[in-house]
Amino acid sequence: MLAFTWTLRPENRFLAPAHRGSGSKADWGDWMAEYRAAIATGVDGIFVDHPDLGVAARERAE
């Protein structure tokens, strides 16, 4: 069985509280930490709204 995550997005409103920035809900928080935390779980895939950010996080995790 393969496991995939929900859709990851960089905006504060979609990030875990620990990764939210000080701006508005629409501002981007520490999306890299959030994405890397998801990758570190060992999931087989992640859905993202910004493929370039997903690729950047994957490359940093390798």
PDB file of N, CA and C in Angstrom:
ATOM      1  N   MET A   1       0.833  -1.160   0.000  1.00  0.00           N
ATOM      2  CA  MET A   1       0.000   0.000   0.000  1.00  0.00           C
ATOM      3  C   MET A   1       0.893   1.243   0.000  1.00  0.00           C
ATOM      4  N   LEU A   2       0.516   2.200  -0.814  1.00  0.00           N
ATOM      5  CA  LEU A   2       1.231   3.474  -0.852  1.00  0.00           C
ATOM      6  C   LEU A   2       0.496   4.491   0.011  1.00  0.00           C
ATOM      7  N   ALA A   3       1.259   5.409   0.585  1.00  0.00           N
ATOM      8  CA  ALA A   3       0.662   6.461   1.414  1.00  0.00           C
ATOM      9  C   ALA A   3       1.038   7.832   0.867  1.00  0.00           C
ATOM     10  N   PHE A   4       0.032   8.671   0.661  1.00  0.00           N
ATOM     11  CA  PHE A   4       0.224  10.041   0.175  1.00  0.00           C
ATOM     12  C   PHE A   4      -0.355  11.010   1.197  1.00  0.00           C
ATOM     13  N   THR A   5       0.198  12.214   1.245  1.00  0.00           N
ATOM     14  CA  THR A   5      -0.321  13.225   2.160  1.00  0.00           C
ATOM     15  C   THR A   5      -1.403  14.049   1.491  1.00  0.00           C
ATOM     16  N   TRP A   6      -2.064  14.856   2.291  1.00  0.00           N
ATOM     17  CA  TRP A   6      -3.008  15.855   1.810  1.00  0.00           C
ATOM     18  C   TRP A   6      -2.240  16.894   1.010  1.00  0.00           C
ATOM     19  N   THR A   7      -2.903  17.865   0.474  1.00  0.00           N
ATOM     20  CA  THR A   7      -2.263  18.920  -0.305  1.00  0.00           C
ATOM     21  C   THR A   7      -1.556  19.890   0.626  1.00  0.00           C
ATOM     22  N   LEU A   8      -0.253  20.062   0.405  1.00  0.00           N
ATOM     23  CA  LEU A   8       0.523  21.031   1.175  1.00  0.00           C
ATOM     24  C   LEU A   8       0.500  22.380   0.467  1.00  0.00           C
ATOM     25  N   ARG A   9       0.347  23.428   1.258  1.00  0.00           N
ATOM     26  CA  ARG A   9       0.337  24.791   0.732  1.00  0.00           C
ATOM     27  C   ARG A   9       1.179  25.665   1.638  1.00  0.00           C
ATOM     28  N   PRO A  10       1.790  26.726   1.092  1.00  0.00           N
ATOM     29  CA  PRO A  10       2.713  27.547   1.879  1.00  0.00           C
ATOM     30  C   PRO A  10       2.065  28.640   2.724  1.00  0.00           C
ATOM     31  N   GLU A  11       0.786  28.909   2.527  1.00  0.00           N
ATOM     32  CA  GLU A  11       0.144  30.004   3.251  1.00  0.00           C
ATOM     33  C   GLU A  11      -0.051  29.642   4.723  1.00  0.00           C
ATOM     34  N   ASN A  12       0.076  30.649   5.593  1.00  0.00           N
ATOM     35  CA  ASN A  12      -0.055  30.442   7.034  1.00  0.00           C
ATOM     36  C   ASN A  12      -1.310  29.681   7.412  1.00  0.00           C
ATOM     37  N   ARG A  13      -2.431  29.951   6.763  1.00  0.00           N
ATOM     38  CA  ARG A  13      -3.695  29.319   7.154  1.00  0.00           C
ATOM     39  C   ARG A  13      -3.658  27.798   6.986  1.00  0.00           C
ATOM     40  N   PHE A  14      -2.740  27.293   6.167  1.00  0.00           N
ATOM     41  CA  PHE A  14      -2.665  25.849   5.922  1.00  0.00           C
ATOM     42  C   PHE A  14      -1.511  25.167   6.660  1.00  0.00           C
ATOM     43  N   LEU A  15      -0.692  25.937   7.343  1.00  0.00           N
ATOM     44  CA  LEU A  15       0.479  25.380   8.024  1.00  0.00           C
ATOM     45  C   LEU A  15       0.163  25.053   9.482  1.00  0.00           C
ATOM     46  N   ALA A  16       0.906  24.101  10.013  1.00  0.00           N
ATOM     47  CA  ALA A  16       0.802  23.808  11.442  1.00  0.00           C
ATOM     48  C   ALA A  16       1.208  25.065  12.218  1.00  0.00           C
ATOM     49  N   PRO A  17       0.647  25.284  13.398  1.00  0.00           N
ATOM     50  CA  PRO A  17       0.959  26.493  14.163  1.00  0.00           C
ATOM     51  C   PRO A  17       2.458  26.764  14.326  1.00  0.00           C
ATOM     52  N   ALA A  18       3.245  25.727  14.492  1.00  0.00           N
ATOM     53  CA  ALA A  18       4.693  25.915  14.678  1.00  0.00           C
ATOM     54  C   ALA A  18       5.383  26.474  13.442  1.00  0.00           C
ATOM     55  N   HIS A  19       4.761  26.361  12.279  1.00  0.00           N
ATOM     56  CA  HIS A  19       5.382  26.805  11.028  1.00  0.00           C
ATOM     57  C   HIS A  19       4.765  28.073  10.467  1.00  0.00           C
ATOM     58  N   ARG A  20       3.804  28.641  11.163  1.00  0.00           N
ATOM     59  CA  ARG A  20       3.161  29.868  10.691  1.00  0.00           C
ATOM     60  C   ARG A  20       4.061  31.070  10.940  1.00  0.00           C
ATOM     61  N   GLY A  21       4.023  32.009   9.999  1.00  0.00           N
ATOM     62  CA  GLY A  21       4.769  33.247  10.152  1.00  0.00           C
ATOM     63  C   GLY A  21       3.939  34.284  10.883  1.00  0.00           C
ATOM     64  N   SER A  22       4.507  35.460  11.037  1.00  0.00           N
ATOM     65  CA  SER A  22       3.825  36.515  11.793  1.00  0.00           C
ATOM     66  C   SER A  22       2.864  37.335  10.938  1.00  0.00           C
ATOM     67  N   GLY A  23       2.799  37.060   9.662  1.00  0.00           N
ATOM     68  CA  GLY A  23       1.929  37.825   8.777  1.00  0.00           C
ATOM     69  C   GLY A  23       0.494  37.345   8.813  1.00  0.00           C
ATOM     70  N   SER A  24      -0.236  37.722   7.783  1.00  0.00           N
ATOM     71  CA  SER A  24      -1.647  37.352   7.677  1.00  0.00           C
ATOM     72  C   SER A  24      -1.796  35.873   7.313  1.00  0.00           C
ATOM     73  N   LYS A  25      -3.027  35.416   7.311  1.00  0.00           N
ATOM     74  CA  LYS A  25      -3.306  34.027   6.938  1.00  0.00           C
ATOM     75  C   LYS A  25      -2.898  33.734   5.501  1.00  0.00           C
ATOM     76  N   ALA A  26      -2.887  34.752   4.649  1.00  0.00           N
ATOM     77  CA  ALA A  26      -2.526  34.569   3.249  1.00  0.00           C
ATOM     78  C   ALA A  26      -1.018  34.620   3.014  1.00  0.00           C
ATOM     79  N   ASP A  27      -0.258  35.160   3.965  1.00  0.00           N
ATOM     80  CA  ASP A  27       1.204  35.231   3.818  1.00  0.00           C
ATOM     81  C   ASP A  27       1.804  33.839   3.969  1.00  0.00           C
ATOM     82  N   TRP A  28       2.968  33.675   3.396  1.00  0.00           N
ATOM     83  CA  TRP A  28       3.657  32.392   3.498  1.00  0.00           C
ATOM     84  C   TRP A  28       4.426  32.315   4.807  1.00  0.00           C
ATOM     85  N   GLY A  29       4.333  31.169   5.443  1.00  0.00           N
ATOM     86  CA  GLY A  29       5.083  30.908   6.663  1.00  0.00           C
ATOM     87  C   GLY A  29       6.307  30.068   6.332  1.00  0.00           C
ATOM     88  N   ASP A  30       6.759  29.275   7.277  1.00  0.00           N
ATOM     89  CA  ASP A  30       7.936  28.423   7.079  1.00  0.00           C
ATOM     90  C   ASP A  30       7.498  27.137   6.385  1.00  0.00           C
ATOM     91  N   TRP A  31       7.112  27.308   5.132  1.00  0.00           N
ATOM     92  CA  TRP A  31       6.614  26.173   4.355  1.00  0.00           C
ATOM     93  C   TRP A  31       7.667  25.089   4.194  1.00  0.00           C
ATOM     94  N   MET A  32       8.956  25.480   4.096  1.00  0.00           N
ATOM     95  CA  MET A  32      10.011  24.484   3.905  1.00  0.00           C
ATOM     96  C   MET A  32      10.048  23.518   5.087  1.00  0.00           C
ATOM     97  N   ALA A  33       9.951  24.022   6.308  1.00  0.00           N
ATOM     98  CA  ALA A  33       9.956  23.148   7.486  1.00  0.00           C
ATOM     99  C   ALA A  33       8.749  22.217   7.470  1.00  0.00           C
ATOM    100  N   GLU A  34       7.604  22.750   7.087  1.00  0.00           N
ATOM    101  CA  GLU A  34       6.372  21.929   7.022  1.00  0.00           C
ATOM    102  C   GLU A  34       6.512  20.825   5.982  1.00  0.00           C
ATOM    103  N   TYR A  35       7.001  21.175   4.801  1.00  0.00           N
ATOM    104  CA  TYR A  35       7.141  20.189   3.729  1.00  0.00           C
ATOM    105  C   TYR A  35       8.176  19.138   4.110  1.00  0.00           C
ATOM    106  N   ARG A  36       9.290  19.577   4.687  1.00  0.00           N
ATOM    107  CA  ARG A  36      10.335  18.622   5.068  1.00  0.00           C
ATOM    108  C   ARG A  36       9.854  17.691   6.173  1.00  0.00           C
ATOM    109  N   ALA A  37       9.044  18.197   7.088  1.00  0.00           N
ATOM    110  CA  ALA A  37       8.482  17.343   8.139  1.00  0.00           C
ATOM    111  C   ALA A  37       7.590  16.267   7.527  1.00  0.00           C
ATOM    112  N   ALA A  38       6.809  16.632   6.526  1.00  0.00           N
ATOM    113  CA  ALA A  38       5.950  15.653   5.846  1.00  0.00           C
ATOM    114  C   ALA A  38       6.793  14.612   5.113  1.00  0.00           C
ATOM    115  N   ILE A  39       7.832  15.061   4.432  1.00  0.00           N
ATOM    116  CA  ILE A  39       8.718  14.140   3.708  1.00  0.00           C
ATOM    117  C   ILE A  39       9.403  13.184   4.678  1.00  0.00           C
ATOM    118  N   ALA A  40       9.810  13.692   5.833  1.00  0.00           N
ATOM    119  CA  ALA A  40      10.533  12.884   6.822  1.00  0.00           C
ATOM    120  C   ALA A  40       9.697  11.741   7.382  1.00  0.00           C
ATOM    121  N   THR A  41       8.381  11.804   7.228  1.00  0.00           N
ATOM    122  CA  THR A  41       7.538  10.707   7.721  1.00  0.00           C
ATOM    123  C   THR A  41       7.688   9.455   6.883  1.00  0.00           C
ATOM    124  N   GLY A  42       8.270   9.590   5.686  1.00  0.00           N
ATOM    125  CA  GLY A  42       8.452   8.430   4.820  1.00  0.00           C
ATOM    126  C   GLY A  42       7.300   8.165   3.866  1.00  0.00           C
ATOM    127  N   VAL A  43       6.410   9.146   3.690  1.00  0.00           N
ATOM    128  CA  VAL A  43       5.296   8.955   2.762  1.00  0.00           C
ATOM    129  C   VAL A  43       5.824   8.696   1.353  1.00  0.00           C
ATOM    130  N   ASP A  44       4.988   8.079   0.552  1.00  0.00           N
ATOM    131  CA  ASP A  44       5.374   7.760  -0.824  1.00  0.00           C
ATOM    132  C   ASP A  44       5.183   8.938  -1.776  1.00  0.00           C
ATOM    133  N   GLY A  45       4.337   9.880  -1.406  1.00  0.00           N
ATOM    134  CA  GLY A  45       4.099  11.031  -2.262  1.00  0.00           C
ATOM    135  C   GLY A  45       3.353  12.122  -1.521  1.00  0.00           C
ATOM    136  N   ILE A  46       3.451  13.316  -2.059  1.00  0.00           N
ATOM    137  CA  ILE A  46       2.804  14.481  -1.458  1.00  0.00           C
ATOM    138  C   ILE A  46       2.141  15.284  -2.562  1.00  0.00           C
ATOM    139  N   PHE A  47       0.904  15.669  -2.341  1.00  0.00           N
ATOM    140  CA  PHE A  47       0.228  16.571  -3.257  1.00  0.00           C
ATOM    141  C   PHE A  47       0.570  17.995  -2.837  1.00  0.00           C
ATOM    142  N   VAL A  48       0.920  18.843  -3.806  1.00  0.00           N
ATOM    143  CA  VAL A  48       1.265  20.239  -3.512  1.00  0.00           C
ATOM    144  C   VAL A  48       0.601  21.142  -4.541  1.00  0.00           C
ATOM    145  N   ASP A  49       0.271  22.361  -4.129  1.00  0.00           N
ATOM    146  CA  ASP A  49      -0.278  23.343  -5.069  1.00  0.00           C
ATOM    147  C   ASP A  49       0.821  24.083  -5.818  1.00  0.00           C
ATOM    148  N   HIS A  50       2.033  24.069  -5.272  1.00  0.00           N
ATOM    149  CA  HIS A  50       3.175  24.734  -5.905  1.00  0.00           C
ATOM    150  C   HIS A  50       4.257  23.676  -6.148  1.00  0.00           C
ATOM    151  N   PRO A  51       4.251  23.029  -7.322  1.00  0.00           N
ATOM    152  CA  PRO A  51       5.211  21.954  -7.579  1.00  0.00           C
ATOM    153  C   PRO A  51       6.664  22.365  -7.374  1.00  0.00           C
ATOM    154  N   ASP A  52       7.005  23.614  -7.707  1.00  0.00           N
ATOM    155  CA  ASP A  52       8.382  24.056  -7.528  1.00  0.00           C
ATOM    156  C   ASP A  52       8.807  24.020  -6.065  1.00  0.00           C
ATOM    157  N   LEU A  53       7.893  24.323  -5.153  1.00  0.00           N
ATOM    158  CA  LEU A  53       8.216  24.268  -3.729  1.00  0.00           C
ATOM    159  C   LEU A  53       8.364  22.823  -3.270  1.00  0.00           C
ATOM    160  N   GLY A  54       7.513  21.953  -3.773  1.00  0.00           N
ATOM    161  CA  GLY A  54       7.612  20.540  -3.432  1.00  0.00           C
ATOM    162  C   GLY A  54       8.933  19.939  -3.889  1.00  0.00           C
ATOM    163  N   VAL A  55       9.357  20.289  -5.080  1.00  0.00           N
ATOM    164  CA  VAL A  55      10.634  19.792  -5.596  1.00  0.00           C
ATOM    165  C   VAL A  55      11.789  20.336  -4.755  1.00  0.00           C
ATOM    166  N   ALA A  56      11.742  21.612  -4.407  1.00  0.00           N
ATOM    167  CA  ALA A  56      12.801  22.214  -3.591  1.00  0.00           C
ATOM    168  C   ALA A  56      12.893  21.517  -2.237  1.00  0.00           C
ATOM    169  N   ALA A  57      11.770  21.224  -1.616  1.00  0.00           N
ATOM    170  CA  ALA A  57      11.775  20.543  -0.321  1.00  0.00           C
ATOM    171  C   ALA A  57      12.311  19.125  -0.451  1.00  0.00           C
ATOM    172  N   ARG A  58      11.908  18.441  -1.504  1.00  0.00           N
ATOM    173  CA  ARG A  58      12.399  17.072  -1.724  1.00  0.00           C
ATOM    174  C   ARG A  58      13.907  17.064  -1.910  1.00  0.00           C
ATOM    175  N   GLU A  59      14.412  18.005  -2.697  1.00  0.00           N
ATOM    176  CA  GLU A  59      15.859  18.060  -2.940  1.00  0.00           C
ATOM    177  C   GLU A  59      16.641  18.358  -1.664  1.00  0.00           C
ATOM    178  N   ARG A  60      16.096  19.188  -0.796  1.00  0.00           N
ATOM    179  CA  ARG A  60      16.766  19.502   0.474  1.00  0.00           C
ATOM    180  C   ARG A  60      16.720  18.328   1.439  1.00  0.00           C
ATOM    181  N   ALA A  61      15.716  17.458   1.284  1.00  0.00           N
ATOM    182  CA  ALA A  61      15.549  16.313   2.179  1.00  0.00           C
ATOM    183  C   ALA A  61      16.455  15.149   1.796  1.00  0.00           C
ATOM    184  N   GLU A  62      16.958  15.146   0.584  1.00  0.00           N
ATOM    185  CA  GLU A  62      17.775  14.002   0.115  1.00  0.00           C
ATOM    186  C   GLU A  62      19.174  14.041   0.657  1.00  0.00           C
TER     187      GLU A  62
END
